[in-house]
Amino acid sequence: MKHGKKYSESLKAYNQSNLYDAKEAVGICVATAKASFDETIELHVRLGVDSRHADQQVRGALVLPHGTGKNVKILAICKGENEKLAKEAGADFVGAEEMAQKIQNENWMDFDVLITTPDMMGVVGRLGKILGPRGLMPNPKAGTVTTDIVKAIKEAKAGKIEYRLDKTNIIHCPIGKASFGAEKLFENFDALITAIVRAKPESSKGQYIRSCVVSSTMGPGIKINPSKFESI
């Protein structure tokens, strides 16, 4: 595979075979983010679990200390007093059955997070085949199905992210923008990796964190020594 000039230069800035300390790896990642736009820094963690088993699922959510740097568009599907509260809390789109119909009939997806209340799950649940593959289906564990819709909206706007395993037992999550600088990005990284380690299923045996990599949107992946996280 042929890489561009900036990518090739970034590869020369570090030893690709090394397993770095997390803080150093984040610093290298920021230094090698050379695109003309503010690149997103992402964490990729491969776990020693099997996502095919219900008792080995790893999923949760947290508000990153410094947010994600992304302007999050929020759709709130609710009714009654909650509609007013959602609008006041800063939701970008608010509605009830008509919003669900818009998604179903028009394939409208101009939002990043969908937050709803338990009484609307009968309506939202019918959208599972549309929302599920895109990672937009609300879930109580992620705090996106809640009776406190104001809190959920404010947390999402503040940089709340959801982490969960994909089919290959890897978690992919943004931890901020390159412009944040290494210190803030490391604090976001530390908060996320700590949450992932603490979410270790009781049925998981052997090495939990198999590999850990940070990368920028257009840059190479920097490998982190996973053994450092076993004692968190």
Protein backbone atom coordinates (compact mmCIF):
# COMPACT_ATOMS: atom_id res chain seq x y z
CA MET A 1 0.00 0.00 0.00
CA LYS A 2 1.36 3.37 -1.04
CA HIS A 3 1.18 6.18 1.51
CA GLY A 4 1.37 9.94 1.07
CA LYS A 5 4.44 12.03 1.84
CA LYS A 6 3.18 13.29 5.22
CA TYR A 7 2.25 9.80 6.35
CA SER A 8 5.64 8.43 5.30
CA GLU A 9 7.40 11.24 7.18
CA SER A 10 5.35 10.46 10.28
CA LEU A 11 6.48 6.83 10.20
CA LYS A 12 10.08 8.00 10.51
CA ALA A 13 9.32 9.94 13.70
CA TYR A 14 9.10 6.85 15.92
CA ASN A 15 9.97 3.15 16.11
CA GLN A 16 6.98 1.24 14.71
CA SER A 17 7.90 -1.97 16.54
CA ASN A 18 8.06 -0.32 19.99
CA LEU A 19 5.39 -0.57 22.66
CA TYR A 20 5.27 2.92 24.13
CA ASP A 21 4.15 4.29 27.45
CA ALA A 22 0.66 5.78 26.99
CA LYS A 23 1.67 9.38 27.62
CA GLU A 24 4.58 9.17 25.18
CA ALA A 25 2.40 7.49 22.56
CA VAL A 26 -0.21 10.24 22.75
CA GLY A 27 2.56 12.84 22.36
CA ILE A 28 3.88 11.08 19.26
CA CYS A 29 0.36 10.83 17.87
CA VAL A 30 -0.15 14.59 18.21
CA ALA A 31 3.26 15.31 16.66
CA THR A 32 2.48 13.12 13.64
CA ALA A 33 -0.97 14.63 12.99
CA LYS A 34 0.09 16.74 10.02
CA ALA A 35 -3.10 17.09 7.99
CA SER A 36 -4.39 20.52 7.01
CA PHE A 37 -7.44 20.06 9.28
CA ASP A 38 -7.77 19.42 13.00
CA GLU A 39 -7.46 15.64 13.12
CA THR A 40 -9.42 13.47 15.53
CA ILE A 41 -7.31 11.31 17.83
CA GLU A 42 -8.73 7.83 18.36
CA LEU A 43 -8.11 4.95 20.74
CA HIS A 44 -8.37 1.37 19.50
CA VAL A 45 -8.33 -1.39 22.13
CA ARG A 46 -8.48 -5.12 21.37
CA LEU A 47 -9.81 -7.12 24.32
CA GLY A 48 -9.35 -10.73 25.35
CA VAL A 49 -13.08 -11.44 25.41
CA ASP A 50 -15.56 -12.99 23.00
CA SER A 51 -18.33 -10.58 22.02
CA ARG A 52 -20.49 -13.50 20.84
CA HIS A 53 -21.19 -14.34 24.49
CA ALA A 54 -23.64 -12.15 26.40
CA ASP A 55 -21.62 -12.40 29.62
CA GLN A 56 -18.50 -11.05 27.89
CA GLN A 57 -19.94 -7.87 26.46
CA VAL A 58 -18.05 -4.68 27.29
CA ARG A 59 -20.10 -1.52 26.95
CA GLY A 60 -20.49 1.75 28.78
CA ALA A 61 -20.34 5.52 28.54
CA LEU A 62 -18.51 8.38 30.16
CA VAL A 63 -17.99 12.11 29.85
CA LEU A 64 -14.41 12.78 28.81
CA PRO A 65 -12.66 15.39 31.01
CA HIS A 66 -12.04 17.66 28.01
CA GLY A 67 -14.82 16.52 25.69
CA THR A 68 -14.31 15.34 22.12
CA GLY A 69 -14.00 18.67 20.35
CA LYS A 70 -16.95 17.75 18.17
CA ASN A 71 -20.15 19.73 17.87
CA VAL A 72 -22.65 16.99 18.67
CA LYS A 73 -26.08 17.11 17.04
CA ILE A 74 -28.70 15.65 19.36
CA LEU A 75 -32.12 14.28 18.49
CA ALA A 76 -34.47 13.94 21.45
CA ILE A 77 -37.53 11.76 20.90
CA CYS A 78 -39.94 12.50 23.71
CA LYS A 79 -43.34 14.04 24.36
CA GLY A 80 -45.20 16.31 26.70
CA GLU A 81 -43.19 18.30 29.22
CA ASN A 82 -40.00 16.51 28.17
CA GLU A 83 -40.17 18.14 24.72
CA LYS A 84 -39.95 21.57 26.31
CA LEU A 85 -37.17 20.46 28.66
CA ALA A 86 -35.19 18.93 25.78
CA LYS A 87 -35.35 22.14 23.75
CA GLU A 88 -34.26 24.21 26.75
CA ALA A 89 -31.37 21.80 27.42
CA GLY A 90 -29.99 22.33 23.92
CA ALA A 91 -31.23 19.41 21.82
CA ASP A 92 -30.91 20.21 18.11
CA PHE A 93 -34.02 18.29 17.08
CA VAL A 94 -36.99 17.46 19.29
CA GLY A 95 -40.17 15.55 18.58
CA ALA A 96 -42.14 12.38 19.13
CA GLU A 97 -43.70 9.97 16.61
CA GLU A 98 -43.14 12.40 13.72
CA MET A 99 -39.34 12.24 14.19
CA ALA A 100 -39.40 8.44 14.16
CA GLN A 101 -41.45 8.53 10.97
CA LYS A 102 -38.98 10.97 9.41
CA ILE A 103 -36.14 8.50 10.07
CA GLN A 104 -38.15 5.53 8.82
CA ASN A 105 -39.71 7.11 5.73
CA GLU A 106 -36.99 9.54 4.63
CA ASN A 107 -33.89 7.74 6.01
CA TRP A 108 -33.11 11.02 7.79
CA MET A 109 -29.95 10.69 9.86
CA ASP A 110 -28.72 14.25 10.42
CA PHE A 111 -27.83 13.70 14.09
CA ASP A 112 -25.01 12.15 16.13
CA VAL A 113 -26.85 11.03 19.27
CA LEU A 114 -30.44 9.95 19.84
CA ILE A 115 -31.79 10.38 23.36
CA THR A 116 -35.21 9.20 24.38
CA THR A 117 -37.38 8.46 27.41
CA PRO A 118 -38.56 4.96 28.45
CA ASP A 119 -42.16 5.70 27.47
CA MET A 120 -41.06 6.30 23.85
CA MET A 121 -39.09 3.08 23.41
CA GLY A 122 -42.13 1.42 21.82
CA VAL A 123 -41.78 3.95 19.00
CA VAL A 124 -37.98 4.10 18.87
CA GLY A 125 -37.62 0.32 19.13
CA ARG A 126 -39.17 -0.08 15.67
CA LEU A 127 -36.17 1.78 14.24
CA GLY A 128 -33.67 -0.82 15.44
CA LYS A 129 -32.76 -2.10 11.96
CA ILE A 130 -31.99 1.46 10.84
CA LEU A 131 -30.29 2.82 13.95
CA GLY A 132 -28.52 -0.32 15.17
CA PRO A 133 -25.99 -0.75 12.32
CA ARG A 134 -25.06 2.93 12.66
CA GLY A 135 -24.51 2.71 16.40
CA LEU A 136 -27.33 5.18 17.08
CA MET A 137 -29.82 2.97 18.88
CA PRO A 138 -30.41 4.45 22.36
CA ASN A 139 -29.59 2.22 25.32
CA PRO A 140 -30.08 2.55 29.09
CA LYS A 141 -26.45 1.47 29.73
CA ALA A 142 -25.24 4.38 27.64
CA GLY A 143 -27.60 6.78 29.38
CA THR A 144 -29.48 7.54 26.15
CA VAL A 145 -32.73 5.99 27.41
CA THR A 146 -33.49 7.97 30.53
CA THR A 147 -36.13 9.74 32.58
CA ASP A 148 -33.69 12.65 33.11
CA ILE A 149 -33.49 13.89 29.55
CA VAL A 150 -31.95 17.23 30.55
CA LYS A 151 -28.95 15.57 32.19
CA ALA A 152 -28.47 13.23 29.21
CA ILE A 153 -28.50 16.09 26.70
CA LYS A 154 -26.08 18.21 28.72
CA GLU A 155 -23.67 15.28 29.12
CA ALA A 156 -23.78 14.51 25.40
CA LYS A 157 -23.04 18.15 24.59
CA ALA A 158 -20.18 18.12 27.13
CA GLY A 159 -18.42 15.23 25.36
CA LYS A 160 -20.00 12.02 26.58
CA ILE A 161 -18.92 9.04 24.52
CA GLU A 162 -20.09 5.44 24.36
CA TYR A 163 -17.61 2.59 24.14
CA ARG A 164 -18.53 -0.93 23.08
CA LEU A 165 -17.05 -3.97 21.41
CA ASP A 166 -17.37 -4.52 17.69
CA LYS A 167 -17.61 -8.00 16.15
CA THR A 168 -13.81 -8.37 16.19
CA ASN A 169 -13.61 -7.65 19.96
CA ILE A 170 -12.15 -4.16 19.43
CA ILE A 171 -13.32 -0.88 20.94
CA HIS A 172 -12.85 2.22 18.77
CA CYS A 173 -13.36 5.63 20.40
CA PRO A 174 -12.39 9.26 19.78
CA ILE A 175 -10.51 10.94 22.62
CA GLY A 176 -10.38 14.47 21.22
CA LYS A 177 -8.74 16.65 18.59
CA ALA A 178 -5.04 17.09 17.85
CA SER A 179 -5.42 20.76 18.78
CA PHE A 180 -6.17 19.74 22.39
CA GLY A 181 -2.48 19.04 22.92
CA ALA A 182 -0.87 15.95 24.42
CA GLU A 183 -1.72 16.72 28.07
CA LYS A 184 -5.50 17.04 27.63
CA LEU A 185 -5.61 14.12 25.22
CA PHE A 186 -3.76 11.93 27.70
CA GLU A 187 -6.24 12.86 30.44
CA ASN A 188 -9.09 11.85 28.11
CA PHE A 189 -7.23 8.65 27.23
CA ASP A 190 -6.66 7.82 30.89
CA ALA A 191 -10.34 8.32 31.73
CA LEU A 192 -11.45 6.07 28.88
CA ILE A 193 -8.95 3.24 29.39
CA THR A 194 -9.74 3.22 33.11
CA ALA A 195 -13.46 2.85 32.36
CA ILE A 196 -12.76 0.01 29.91
CA VAL A 197 -10.55 -1.85 32.41
CA ARG A 198 -13.13 -1.47 35.18
CA ALA A 199 -15.79 -2.85 32.84
CA LYS A 200 -13.93 -6.17 32.56
CA PRO A 201 -16.47 -9.03 32.65
CA GLU A 202 -16.12 -11.50 35.51
CA SER A 203 -16.10 -14.34 32.97
CA SER A 204 -13.06 -12.91 31.16
CA LYS A 205 -9.94 -15.01 31.68
CA GLY A 206 -6.31 -14.36 30.80
CA GLN A 207 -4.97 -11.09 29.40
CA TYR A 208 -7.79 -8.56 29.13
CA ILE A 209 -6.13 -5.75 27.16
CA ARG A 210 -4.54 -7.55 24.20
CA SER A 211 -3.44 -4.48 22.25
CA CYS A 212 -3.85 -0.73 22.48
CA VAL A 213 -3.20 1.82 19.73
CA VAL A 214 -3.70 5.56 19.34
CA SER A 215 -3.91 7.18 15.93
CA SER A 216 -4.94 10.40 14.25
CA THR A 217 -7.40 10.59 11.35
CA MET A 218 -4.67 10.61 8.69
CA GLY A 219 -1.70 9.40 10.71
CA PRO A 220 -0.19 6.04 11.65
CA GLY A 221 -1.06 4.00 14.73
CA ILE A 222 1.20 4.23 17.79
CA LYS A 223 1.32 1.02 19.83
CA ILE A 224 0.98 1.24 23.61
CA ASN A 225 2.24 -1.32 26.12
CA PRO A 226 -1.01 -3.05 27.24
CA SER A 227 0.53 -4.65 30.33
CA LYS A 228 0.48 -1.24 32.07
CA PHE A 229 -3.30 -1.37 32.39
CA GLU A 230 -3.78 -4.72 34.07
CA SER A 231 -3.44 -3.20 37.54
CA ILE A 232 -5.82 -0.25 37.16
